[in-house]
Amino acid sequence: MTAIRMALVLSCAALLSPWVAQGQDKPLTAQQERMKSCNAEARDKHMKGEERRDFMSHCLKGESGERERTAQQEKMVSCNRDASAKGLKGDQRRGFMRECLSADSRSPSAAGR
């Protein structure tokens, strides 16, 4: 019985292999190529979370991936990176972010406390 099952499985695999191989040879559509390219660029830039979503949205629309940010947005990105680098979570992260975002921009050492 086992030999019959094995023969049946092998014959099914042989019958399906042309369709499987055909799907692999198909070139990617323009949208699939763009998705692949944008994903690679976001990965190379180590983007995560909201920053990655924004980048992907613009990239997939064919817009430049970098958009101009306001000073407050730049500060938010910087404070977020610092909090992540320090491994802060929960209340510690919220406190750090509050202090970092409210810190006087002329005093960069105030944000790093």
PDB file of N, CA and C in Angstrom:
ATOM      1  N   MET A   1       0.806  -1.190   0.000  1.00  0.00           N
ATOM      2  CA  MET A   1       0.000   0.000   0.000  1.00  0.00           C
ATOM      3  C   MET A   1       0.856   1.264   0.000  1.00  0.00           C
ATOM      4  N   THR A   2       1.934   1.277   0.725  1.00  0.00           N
ATOM      5  CA  THR A   2       2.779   2.458   0.819  1.00  0.00           C
ATOM      6  C   THR A   2       3.396   2.796  -0.532  1.00  0.00           C
ATOM      7  N   ALA A   3       3.791   1.810  -1.293  1.00  0.00           N
ATOM      8  CA  ALA A   3       4.382   2.043  -2.611  1.00  0.00           C
ATOM      9  C   ALA A   3       3.353   2.659  -3.557  1.00  0.00           C
ATOM     10  N   ILE A   4       2.108   2.254  -3.437  1.00  0.00           N
ATOM     11  CA  ILE A   4       1.053   2.795  -4.298  1.00  0.00           C
ATOM     12  C   ILE A   4       0.819   4.275  -3.951  1.00  0.00           C
ATOM     13  N   ARG A   5       0.785   4.573  -2.670  1.00  0.00           N
ATOM     14  CA  ARG A   5       0.595   5.973  -2.252  1.00  0.00           C
ATOM     15  C   ARG A   5       1.750   6.848  -2.730  1.00  0.00           C
ATOM     16  N   MET A   6       2.955   6.321  -2.616  1.00  0.00           N
ATOM     17  CA  MET A   6       4.137   7.063  -3.046  1.00  0.00           C
ATOM     18  C   MET A   6       4.080   7.329  -4.549  1.00  0.00           C
ATOM     19  N   ALA A   7       3.683   6.340  -5.313  1.00  0.00           N
ATOM     20  CA  ALA A   7       3.564   6.493  -6.758  1.00  0.00           C
ATOM     21  C   ALA A   7       2.490   7.519  -7.106  1.00  0.00           C
ATOM     22  N   LEU A   8       1.402   7.509  -6.369  1.00  0.00           N
ATOM     23  CA  LEU A   8       0.321   8.453  -6.593  1.00  0.00           C
ATOM     24  C   LEU A   8       0.772   9.888  -6.290  1.00  0.00           C
ATOM     25  N   VAL A   9       1.489  10.077  -5.192  1.00  0.00           N
ATOM     26  CA  VAL A   9       1.998  11.399  -4.825  1.00  0.00           C
ATOM     27  C   VAL A   9       2.984  11.896  -5.874  1.00  0.00           C
ATOM     28  N   LEU A  10       3.882  11.033  -6.319  1.00  0.00           N
ATOM     29  CA  LEU A  10       4.872  11.424  -7.325  1.00  0.00           C
ATOM     30  C   LEU A  10       4.220  11.781  -8.660  1.00  0.00           C
ATOM     31  N   SER A  11       3.202  11.027  -9.037  1.00  0.00           N
ATOM     32  CA  SER A  11       2.542  11.328 -10.310  1.00  0.00           C
ATOM     33  C   SER A  11       1.773  12.646 -10.229  1.00  0.00           C
ATOM     34  N   CYS A  12       1.155  12.917  -9.084  1.00  0.00           N
ATOM     35  CA  CYS A  12       0.472  14.206  -8.904  1.00  0.00           C
ATOM     36  C   CYS A  12       1.476  15.350  -8.960  1.00  0.00           C
ATOM     37  N   ALA A  13       2.613  15.185  -8.322  1.00  0.00           N
ATOM     38  CA  ALA A  13       3.645  16.215  -8.338  1.00  0.00           C
ATOM     39  C   ALA A  13       4.146  16.453  -9.757  1.00  0.00           C
ATOM     40  N   ALA A  14       4.310  15.382 -10.523  1.00  0.00           N
ATOM     41  CA  ALA A  14       4.764  15.524 -11.903  1.00  0.00           C
ATOM     42  C   ALA A  14       3.740  16.257 -12.755  1.00  0.00           C
ATOM     43  N   LEU A  15       2.468  16.021 -12.504  1.00  0.00           N
ATOM     44  CA  LEU A  15       1.422  16.690 -13.269  1.00  0.00           C
ATOM     45  C   LEU A  15       1.320  18.179 -12.916  1.00  0.00           C
ATOM     46  N   LEU A  16       1.567  18.533 -11.655  1.00  0.00           N
ATOM     47  CA  LEU A  16       1.441  19.910 -11.217  1.00  0.00           C
ATOM     48  C   LEU A  16       2.685  20.758 -11.470  1.00  0.00           C
ATOM     49  N   SER A  17       3.828  20.143 -11.669  1.00  0.00           N
ATOM     50  CA  SER A  17       5.077  20.887 -11.797  1.00  0.00           C
ATOM     51  C   SER A  17       5.095  21.895 -12.946  1.00  0.00           C
ATOM     52  N   PRO A  18       4.484  21.642 -14.110  1.00  0.00           N
ATOM     53  CA  PRO A  18       4.507  22.673 -15.158  1.00  0.00           C
ATOM     54  C   PRO A  18       3.801  23.960 -14.736  1.00  0.00           C
ATOM     55  N   TRP A  19       2.698  23.862 -13.986  1.00  0.00           N
ATOM     56  CA  TRP A  19       1.981  25.061 -13.556  1.00  0.00           C
ATOM     57  C   TRP A  19       2.770  25.813 -12.488  1.00  0.00           C
ATOM     58  N   VAL A  20       3.414  25.090 -11.620  1.00  0.00           N
ATOM     59  CA  VAL A  20       4.217  25.725 -10.578  1.00  0.00           C
ATOM     60  C   VAL A  20       5.398  26.447 -11.211  1.00  0.00           C
ATOM     61  N   ALA A  21       6.071  25.795 -12.151  1.00  0.00           N
ATOM     62  CA  ALA A  21       7.219  26.397 -12.816  1.00  0.00           C
ATOM     63  C   ALA A  21       6.792  27.610 -13.643  1.00  0.00           C
ATOM     64  N   GLN A  22       5.628  27.545 -14.262  1.00  0.00           N
ATOM     65  CA  GLN A  22       5.149  28.641 -15.087  1.00  0.00           C
ATOM     66  C   GLN A  22       4.932  29.895 -14.247  1.00  0.00           C
ATOM     67  N   GLY A  23       4.414  29.758 -13.042  1.00  0.00           N
ATOM     68  CA  GLY A  23       4.188  30.887 -12.157  1.00  0.00           C
ATOM     69  C   GLY A  23       5.477  31.561 -11.732  1.00  0.00           C
ATOM     70  N   GLN A  24       6.574  30.825 -11.647  1.00  0.00           N
ATOM     71  CA  GLN A  24       7.845  31.380 -11.232  1.00  0.00           C
ATOM     72  C   GLN A  24       8.521  32.161 -12.350  1.00  0.00           C
ATOM     73  N   ASP A  25       8.250  31.830 -13.598  1.00  0.00           N
ATOM     74  CA  ASP A  25       8.881  32.484 -14.727  1.00  0.00           C
ATOM     75  C   ASP A  25       8.182  33.777 -15.125  1.00  0.00           C
ATOM     76  N   LYS A  26       7.019  34.019 -14.585  1.00  0.00           N
ATOM     77  CA  LYS A  26       6.227  35.189 -14.948  1.00  0.00           C
ATOM     78  C   LYS A  26       6.909  36.450 -14.424  1.00  0.00           C
ATOM     79  N   PRO A  27       7.128  37.449 -15.283  1.00  0.00           N
ATOM     80  CA  PRO A  27       7.767  38.683 -14.816  1.00  0.00           C
ATOM     81  C   PRO A  27       6.826  39.470 -13.894  1.00  0.00           C
ATOM     82  N   LEU A  28       7.416  40.251 -13.026  1.00  0.00           N
ATOM     83  CA  LEU A  28       6.633  41.060 -12.101  1.00  0.00           C
ATOM     84  C   LEU A  28       5.978  42.221 -12.839  1.00  0.00           C
ATOM     85  N   THR A  29       4.792  42.597 -12.384  1.00  0.00           N
ATOM     86  CA  THR A  29       4.114  43.761 -12.961  1.00  0.00           C
ATOM     87  C   THR A  29       4.838  45.017 -12.493  1.00  0.00           C
ATOM     88  N   ALA A  30       4.513  46.142 -13.087  1.00  0.00           N
ATOM     89  CA  ALA A  30       5.141  47.409 -12.695  1.00  0.00           C
ATOM     90  C   ALA A  30       4.876  47.711 -11.220  1.00  0.00           C
ATOM     91  N   GLN A  31       3.647  47.470 -10.762  1.00  0.00           N
ATOM     92  CA  GLN A  31       3.301  47.728  -9.360  1.00  0.00           C
ATOM     93  C   GLN A  31       4.070  46.790  -8.428  1.00  0.00           C
ATOM     94  N   GLN A  32       4.242  45.523  -8.834  1.00  0.00           N
ATOM     95  CA  GLN A  32       5.001  44.579  -8.009  1.00  0.00           C
ATOM     96  C   GLN A  32       6.473  44.984  -7.943  1.00  0.00           C
ATOM     97  N   GLU A  33       7.005  45.459  -9.053  1.00  0.00           N
ATOM     98  CA  GLU A  33       8.398  45.924  -9.077  1.00  0.00           C
ATOM     99  C   GLU A  33       8.571  47.128  -8.151  1.00  0.00           C
ATOM    100  N   ARG A  34       7.600  48.054  -8.225  1.00  0.00           N
ATOM    101  CA  ARG A  34       7.655  49.252  -7.382  1.00  0.00           C
ATOM    102  C   ARG A  34       7.589  48.846  -5.910  1.00  0.00           C
ATOM    103  N   MET A  35       6.703  47.906  -5.577  1.00  0.00           N
ATOM    104  CA  MET A  35       6.566  47.429  -4.198  1.00  0.00           C
ATOM    105  C   MET A  35       7.882  46.813  -3.722  1.00  0.00           C
ATOM    106  N   LYS A  36       8.489  46.013  -4.561  1.00  0.00           N
ATOM    107  CA  LYS A  36       9.753  45.360  -4.222  1.00  0.00           C
ATOM    108  C   LYS A  36      10.842  46.415  -3.986  1.00  0.00           C
ATOM    109  N   SER A  37      10.906  47.396  -4.862  1.00  0.00           N
ATOM    110  CA  SER A  37      11.913  48.449  -4.767  1.00  0.00           C
ATOM    111  C   SER A  37      11.701  49.314  -3.521  1.00  0.00           C
ATOM    112  N   CYS A  38      10.453  49.718  -3.277  1.00  0.00           N
ATOM    113  CA  CYS A  38      10.156  50.552  -2.111  1.00  0.00           C
ATOM    114  C   CYS A  38      10.446  49.807  -0.811  1.00  0.00           C
ATOM    115  N   ASN A  39      10.087  48.525  -0.760  1.00  0.00           N
ATOM    116  CA  ASN A  39      10.365  47.715   0.426  1.00  0.00           C
ATOM    117  C   ASN A  39      11.861  47.627   0.692  1.00  0.00           C
ATOM    118  N   ALA A  40      12.627  47.413  -0.369  1.00  0.00           N
ATOM    119  CA  ALA A  40      14.077  47.305  -0.215  1.00  0.00           C
ATOM    120  C   ALA A  40      14.666  48.622   0.289  1.00  0.00           C
ATOM    121  N   GLU A  41      14.184  49.739  -0.260  1.00  0.00           N
ATOM    122  CA  GLU A  41      14.686  51.043   0.161  1.00  0.00           C
ATOM    123  C   GLU A  41      14.335  51.331   1.620  1.00  0.00           C
ATOM    124  N   ALA A  42      13.112  51.014   2.018  1.00  0.00           N
ATOM    125  CA  ALA A  42      12.698  51.223   3.416  1.00  0.00           C
ATOM    126  C   ALA A  42      13.519  50.336   4.349  1.00  0.00           C
ATOM    127  N   ARG A  43      13.784  49.105   3.927  1.00  0.00           N
ATOM    128  CA  ARG A  43      14.589  48.192   4.747  1.00  0.00           C
ATOM    129  C   ARG A  43      16.021  48.715   4.873  1.00  0.00           C
ATOM    130  N   ASP A  44      16.593  49.207   3.766  1.00  0.00           N
ATOM    131  CA  ASP A  44      17.958  49.730   3.794  1.00  0.00           C
ATOM    132  C   ASP A  44      18.085  50.952   4.701  1.00  0.00           C
ATOM    133  N   LYS A  45      17.009  51.724   4.803  1.00  0.00           N
ATOM    134  CA  LYS A  45      17.017  52.921   5.643  1.00  0.00           C
ATOM    135  C   LYS A  45      16.591  52.606   7.076  1.00  0.00           C
ATOM    136  N   HIS A  46      16.349  51.319   7.371  1.00  0.00           N
ATOM    137  CA  HIS A  46      15.946  50.864   8.711  1.00  0.00           C
ATOM    138  C   HIS A  46      14.704  51.593   9.213  1.00  0.00           C
ATOM    139  N   MET A  47      13.729  51.781   8.331  1.00  0.00           N
ATOM    140  CA  MET A  47      12.497  52.483   8.703  1.00  0.00           C
ATOM    141  C   MET A  47      11.535  51.525   9.379  1.00  0.00           C
ATOM    142  N   LYS A  48      10.807  52.050  10.357  1.00  0.00           N
ATOM    143  CA  LYS A  48       9.811  51.249  11.069  1.00  0.00           C
ATOM    144  C   LYS A  48       8.614  52.113  11.404  1.00  0.00           C
ATOM    145  N   GLY A  49       7.520  51.461  11.698  1.00  0.00           N
ATOM    146  CA  GLY A  49       6.327  52.140  12.192  1.00  0.00           C
ATOM    147  C   GLY A  49       5.762  53.179  11.242  1.00  0.00           C
ATOM    148  N   GLU A  50       5.399  54.312  11.819  1.00  0.00           N
ATOM    149  CA  GLU A  50       4.741  55.379  11.057  1.00  0.00           C
ATOM    150  C   GLU A  50       5.652  55.933   9.965  1.00  0.00           C
ATOM    151  N   GLU A  51       6.930  56.044  10.277  1.00  0.00           N
ATOM    152  CA  GLU A  51       7.885  56.555   9.288  1.00  0.00           C
ATOM    153  C   GLU A  51       7.885  55.661   8.052  1.00  0.00           C
ATOM    154  N   ARG A  52       7.880  54.332   8.246  1.00  0.00           N
ATOM    155  CA  ARG A  52       7.874  53.388   7.123  1.00  0.00           C
ATOM    156  C   ARG A  52       6.550  53.471   6.354  1.00  0.00           C
ATOM    157  N   ARG A  53       5.426  53.554   7.082  1.00  0.00           N
ATOM    158  CA  ARG A  53       4.117  53.652   6.408  1.00  0.00           C
ATOM    159  C   ARG A  53       4.050  54.893   5.523  1.00  0.00           C
ATOM    160  N   ASP A  54       4.504  56.022   6.065  1.00  0.00           N
ATOM    161  CA  ASP A  54       4.499  57.261   5.278  1.00  0.00           C
ATOM    162  C   ASP A  54       5.389  57.129   4.046  1.00  0.00           C
ATOM    163  N   PHE A  55       6.575  56.590   4.253  1.00  0.00           N
ATOM    164  CA  PHE A  55       7.506  56.420   3.137  1.00  0.00           C
ATOM    165  C   PHE A  55       6.907  55.516   2.067  1.00  0.00           C
ATOM    166  N   MET A  56       6.350  54.372   2.493  1.00  0.00           N
ATOM    167  CA  MET A  56       5.791  53.421   1.527  1.00  0.00           C
ATOM    168  C   MET A  56       4.629  54.039   0.759  1.00  0.00           C
ATOM    169  N   SER A  57       3.800  54.799   1.441  1.00  0.00           N
ATOM    170  CA  SER A  57       2.667  55.440   0.788  1.00  0.00           C
ATOM    171  C   SER A  57       3.149  56.365  -0.326  1.00  0.00           C
ATOM    172  N   HIS A  58       4.131  57.197  -0.016  1.00  0.00           N
ATOM    173  CA  HIS A  58       4.655  58.125  -1.013  1.00  0.00           C
ATOM    174  C   HIS A  58       5.410  57.390  -2.117  1.00  0.00           C
ATOM    175  N   CYS A  59       6.193  56.423  -1.737  1.00  0.00           N
ATOM    176  CA  CYS A  59       6.999  55.677  -2.710  1.00  0.00           C
ATOM    177  C   CYS A  59       6.109  54.930  -3.702  1.00  0.00           C
ATOM    178  N   LEU A  60       5.077  54.265  -3.213  1.00  0.00           N
ATOM    179  CA  LEU A  60       4.199  53.495  -4.100  1.00  0.00           C
ATOM    180  C   LEU A  60       3.386  54.398  -5.023  1.00  0.00           C
ATOM    181  N   LYS A  61       3.169  55.637  -4.621  1.00  0.00           N
ATOM    182  CA  LYS A  61       2.476  56.594  -5.491  1.00  0.00           C
ATOM    183  C   LYS A  61       3.428  57.196  -6.516  1.00  0.00           C
ATOM    184  N   GLY A  62       4.710  56.876  -6.385  1.00  0.00           N
ATOM    185  CA  GLY A  62       5.696  57.408  -7.309  1.00  0.00           C
ATOM    186  C   GLY A  62       6.228  58.762  -6.880  1.00  0.00           C
ATOM    187  N   GLU A  63       5.860  59.190  -5.687  1.00  0.00           N
ATOM    188  CA  GLU A  63       6.364  60.456  -5.171  1.00  0.00           C
ATOM    189  C   GLU A  63       7.716  60.213  -4.532  1.00  0.00           C
ATOM    190  N   SER A  64       8.457  61.270  -4.325  1.00  0.00           N
ATOM    191  CA  SER A  64       9.745  61.103  -3.671  1.00  0.00           C
ATOM    192  C   SER A  64       9.504  60.602  -2.262  1.00  0.00           C
ATOM    193  N   GLY A  65      10.348  59.703  -1.790  1.00  0.00           N
ATOM    194  CA  GLY A  65      10.177  59.108  -0.473  1.00  0.00           C
ATOM    195  C   GLY A  65      10.395  60.090   0.654  1.00  0.00           C
ATOM    196  N   GLU A  66      11.165  61.115   0.397  1.00  0.00           N
ATOM    197  CA  GLU A  66      11.452  62.095   1.436  1.00  0.00           C
ATOM    198  C   GLU A  66      10.540  63.292   1.255  1.00  0.00           C
ATOM    199  N   ARG A  67       9.789  63.593   2.263  1.00  0.00           N
ATOM    200  CA  ARG A  67       8.980  64.799   2.211  1.00  0.00           C
ATOM    201  C   ARG A  67       9.512  65.745   3.274  1.00  0.00           C
ATOM    202  N   GLU A  68       9.260  66.990   3.099  1.00  0.00           N
ATOM    203  CA  GLU A  68       9.747  67.958   4.073  1.00  0.00           C
ATOM    204  C   GLU A  68       8.916  67.866   5.336  1.00  0.00           C
ATOM    205  N   ARG A  69       9.608  67.862   6.459  1.00  0.00           N
ATOM    206  CA  ARG A  69       8.941  67.794   7.751  1.00  0.00           C
ATOM    207  C   ARG A  69       9.040  69.149   8.439  1.00  0.00           C
ATOM    208  N   THR A  70       8.081  69.405   9.280  1.00  0.00           N
ATOM    209  CA  THR A  70       8.147  70.609  10.099  1.00  0.00           C
ATOM    210  C   THR A  70       9.181  70.386  11.197  1.00  0.00           C
ATOM    211  N   ALA A  71       9.559  71.460  11.862  1.00  0.00           N
ATOM    212  CA  ALA A  71      10.534  71.350  12.954  1.00  0.00           C
ATOM    213  C   ALA A  71      10.007  70.422  14.042  1.00  0.00           C
ATOM    214  N   GLN A  72       8.709  70.517  14.334  1.00  0.00           N
ATOM    215  CA  GLN A  72       8.120  69.662  15.365  1.00  0.00           C
ATOM    216  C   GLN A  72       8.170  68.190  14.952  1.00  0.00           C
ATOM    217  N   GLN A  73       7.915  67.907  13.665  1.00  0.00           N
ATOM    218  CA  GLN A  73       7.970  66.530  13.192  1.00  0.00           C
ATOM    219  C   GLN A  73       9.399  65.988  13.272  1.00  0.00           C
ATOM    220  N   GLU A  74      10.370  66.818  12.921  1.00  0.00           N
ATOM    221  CA  GLU A  74      11.774  66.399  13.023  1.00  0.00           C
ATOM    222  C   GLU A  74      12.127  66.091  14.474  1.00  0.00           C
ATOM    223  N   LYS A  75      11.643  66.935  15.381  1.00  0.00           N
ATOM    224  CA  LYS A  75      11.905  66.730  16.803  1.00  0.00           C
ATOM    225  C   LYS A  75      11.285  65.417  17.268  1.00  0.00           C
ATOM    226  N   MET A  76      10.066  65.130  16.798  1.00  0.00           N
ATOM    227  CA  MET A  76       9.371  63.890  17.162  1.00  0.00           C
ATOM    228  C   MET A  76      10.168  62.675  16.690  1.00  0.00           C
ATOM    229  N   VAL A  77      10.646  62.709  15.456  1.00  0.00           N
ATOM    230  CA  VAL A  77      11.430  61.600  14.914  1.00  0.00           C
ATOM    231  C   VAL A  77      12.703  61.412  15.738  1.00  0.00           C
ATOM    232  N   SER A  78      13.368  62.519  16.035  1.00  0.00           N
ATOM    233  CA  SER A  78      14.608  62.454  16.814  1.00  0.00           C
ATOM    234  C   SER A  78      14.364  61.895  18.223  1.00  0.00           C
ATOM    235  N   CYS A  79      13.334  62.394  18.889  1.00  0.00           N
ATOM    236  CA  CYS A  79      13.022  61.920  20.239  1.00  0.00           C
ATOM    237  C   CYS A  79      12.624  60.443  20.221  1.00  0.00           C
ATOM    238  N   ASN A  80      11.866  60.039  19.202  1.00  0.00           N
ATOM    239  CA  ASN A  80      11.463  58.636  19.057  1.00  0.00           C
ATOM    240  C   ASN A  80      12.681  57.730  18.902  1.00  0.00           C
ATOM    241  N   ARG A  81      13.625  58.148  18.066  1.00  0.00           N
ATOM    242  CA  ARG A  81      14.844  57.355  17.871  1.00  0.00           C
ATOM    243  C   ARG A  81      15.623  57.232  19.180  1.00  0.00           C
ATOM    244  N   ASP A  82      15.745  58.360  19.897  1.00  0.00           N
ATOM    245  CA  ASP A  82      16.479  58.345  21.171  1.00  0.00           C
ATOM    246  C   ASP A  82      15.810  57.407  22.178  1.00  0.00           C
ATOM    247  N   ALA A  83      14.479  57.480  22.260  1.00  0.00           N
ATOM    248  CA  ALA A  83      13.747  56.624  23.201  1.00  0.00           C
ATOM    249  C   ALA A  83      13.922  55.154  22.834  1.00  0.00           C
ATOM    250  N   SER A  84      13.881  54.849  21.536  1.00  0.00           N
ATOM    251  CA  SER A  84      14.064  53.465  21.091  1.00  0.00           C
ATOM    252  C   SER A  84      15.478  52.984  21.363  1.00  0.00           C
ATOM    253  N   ALA A  85      16.464  53.852  21.113  1.00  0.00           N
ATOM    254  CA  ALA A  85      17.864  53.491  21.352  1.00  0.00           C
ATOM    255  C   ALA A  85      18.109  53.189  22.834  1.00  0.00           C
ATOM    256  N   LYS A  86      17.386  53.885  23.705  1.00  0.00           N
ATOM    257  CA  LYS A  86      17.532  53.664  25.142  1.00  0.00           C
ATOM    258  C   LYS A  86      16.670  52.501  25.635  1.00  0.00           C
ATOM    259  N   GLY A  87      15.856  51.950  24.745  1.00  0.00           N
ATOM    260  CA  GLY A  87      15.017  50.815  25.110  1.00  0.00           C
ATOM    261  C   GLY A  87      13.898  51.167  26.082  1.00  0.00           C
ATOM    262  N   LEU A  88      13.448  52.399  26.042  1.00  0.00           N
ATOM    263  CA  LEU A  88      12.406  52.838  26.970  1.00  0.00           C
ATOM    264  C   LEU A  88      11.036  52.328  26.545  1.00  0.00           C
ATOM    265  N   LYS A  89      10.225  51.978  27.537  1.00  0.00           N
ATOM    266  CA  LYS A  89       8.875  51.475  27.279  1.00  0.00           C
ATOM    267  C   LYS A  89       7.918  52.050  28.309  1.00  0.00           C
ATOM    268  N   GLY A  90       6.646  52.054  27.968  1.00  0.00           N
ATOM    269  CA  GLY A  90       5.597  52.438  28.908  1.00  0.00           C
ATOM    270  C   GLY A  90       5.744  53.839  29.457  1.00  0.00           C
ATOM    271  N   ASP A  91       5.595  53.954  30.783  1.00  0.00           N
ATOM    272  CA  ASP A  91       5.637  55.255  31.447  1.00  0.00           C
ATOM    273  C   ASP A  91       6.983  55.943  31.284  1.00  0.00           C
ATOM    274  N   GLN A  92       8.066  55.164  31.288  1.00  0.00           N
ATOM    275  CA  GLN A  92       9.397  55.759  31.113  1.00  0.00           C
ATOM    276  C   GLN A  92       9.510  56.411  29.737  1.00  0.00           C
ATOM    277  N   ARG A  93       8.996  55.731  28.719  1.00  0.00           N
ATOM    278  CA  ARG A  93       9.056  56.284  27.364  1.00  0.00           C
ATOM    279  C   ARG A  93       8.199  57.541  27.255  1.00  0.00           C
ATOM    280  N   ARG A  94       6.979  57.481  27.810  1.00  0.00           N
ATOM    281  CA  ARG A  94       6.085  58.640  27.758  1.00  0.00           C
ATOM    282  C   ARG A  94       6.728  59.845  28.446  1.00  0.00           C
ATOM    283  N   GLY A  95       7.326  59.613  29.600  1.00  0.00           N
ATOM    284  CA  GLY A  95       7.991  60.701  30.326  1.00  0.00           C
ATOM    285  C   GLY A  95       9.158  61.271  29.536  1.00  0.00           C
ATOM    286  N   PHE A  96       9.945  60.389  28.970  1.00  0.00           N
ATOM    287  CA  PHE A  96      11.076  60.836  28.164  1.00  0.00           C
ATOM    288  C   PHE A  96      10.603  61.644  26.964  1.00  0.00           C
ATOM    289  N   MET A  97       9.568  61.147  26.278  1.00  0.00           N
ATOM    290  CA  MET A  97       9.052  61.836  25.094  1.00  0.00           C
ATOM    291  C   MET A  97       8.496  63.206  25.473  1.00  0.00           C
ATOM    292  N   ARG A  98       7.778  63.277  26.568  1.00  0.00           N
ATOM    293  CA  ARG A  98       7.212  64.549  27.016  1.00  0.00           C
ATOM    294  C   ARG A  98       8.336  65.556  27.258  1.00  0.00           C
ATOM    295  N   GLU A  99       9.359  65.111  27.975  1.00  0.00           N
ATOM    296  CA  GLU A  99      10.478  65.989  28.293  1.00  0.00           C
ATOM    297  C   GLU A  99      11.259  66.367  27.033  1.00  0.00           C
ATOM    298  N   CYS A 100      11.496  65.400  26.188  1.00  0.00           N
ATOM    299  CA  CYS A 100      12.262  65.629  24.963  1.00  0.00           C
ATOM    300  C   CYS A 100      11.530  66.595  24.034  1.00  0.00           C
ATOM    301  N   LEU A 101      10.241  66.408  23.857  1.00  0.00           N
ATOM    302  CA  LEU A 101       9.473  67.253  22.935  1.00  0.00           C
ATOM    303  C   LEU A 101       9.264  68.661  23.482  1.00  0.00           C
ATOM    304  N   SER A 102       9.253  68.801  24.791  1.00  0.00           N
ATOM    305  CA  SER A 102       9.044  70.135  25.363  1.00  0.00           C
ATOM    306  C   SER A 102      10.362  70.858  25.619  1.00  0.00           C
ATOM    307  N   ALA A 103      11.485  70.150  25.433  1.00  0.00           N
ATOM    308  CA  ALA A 103      12.793  70.745  25.690  1.00  0.00           C
ATOM    309  C   ALA A 103      13.043  71.906  24.734  1.00  0.00           C
ATOM    310  N   ASP A 104      13.730  72.919  25.238  1.00  0.00           N
ATOM    311  CA  ASP A 104      14.080  74.090  24.423  1.00  0.00           C
ATOM    312  C   ASP A 104      15.017  73.641  23.312  1.00  0.00           C
ATOM    313  N   SER A 105      14.715  73.995  22.091  1.00  0.00           N
ATOM    314  CA  SER A 105      15.519  73.558  20.941  1.00  0.00           C
ATOM    315  C   SER A 105      16.921  74.117  20.992  1.00  0.00           C
ATOM    316  N   ARG A 106      17.158  75.180  21.763  1.00  0.00           N
ATOM    317  CA  ARG A 106      18.513  75.753  21.882  1.00  0.00           C
ATOM    318  C   ARG A 106      19.383  74.935  22.840  1.00  0.00           C
ATOM    319  N   SER A 107      18.767  74.020  23.585  1.00  0.00           N
ATOM    320  CA  SER A 107      19.475  73.272  24.601  1.00  0.00           C
ATOM    321  C   SER A 107      19.359  71.774  24.334  1.00  0.00           C
ATOM    322  N   PRO A 108      20.172  71.236  23.399  1.00  0.00           N
ATOM    323  CA  PRO A 108      20.042  69.809  23.057  1.00  0.00           C
ATOM    324  C   PRO A 108      20.355  68.882  24.232  1.00  0.00           C
ATOM    325  N   SER A 109      21.128  69.324  25.212  1.00  0.00           N
ATOM    326  CA  SER A 109      21.452  68.436  26.333  1.00  0.00           C
ATOM    327  C   SER A 109      20.234  68.205  27.221  1.00  0.00           C
ATOM    328  N   ALA A 110      19.252  69.098  27.186  1.00  0.00           N
ATOM    329  CA  ALA A 110      18.067  68.927  28.018  1.00  0.00           C
ATOM    330  C   ALA A 110      17.267  67.719  27.585  1.00  0.00           C
ATOM    331  N   ALA A 111      17.289  67.391  26.276  1.00  0.00           N
ATOM    332  CA  ALA A 111      16.533  66.252  25.781  1.00  0.00           C
ATOM    333  C   ALA A 111      17.217  64.937  26.106  1.00  0.00           C
ATOM    334  N   GLY A 112      18.506  64.949  26.339  1.00  0.00           N
ATOM    335  CA  GLY A 112      19.225  63.700  26.539  1.00  0.00           C
ATOM    336  C   GLY A 112      19.305  63.263  27.979  1.00  0.00           C
ATOM    337  N   ARG A 113      18.641  63.916  28.914  1.00  0.00           N
ATOM    338  CA  ARG A 113      18.708  63.550  30.331  1.00  0.00           C
ATOM    339  C   ARG A 113      18.236  62.190  30.619  1.00  0.00           C
TER     340      ARG A 113
END
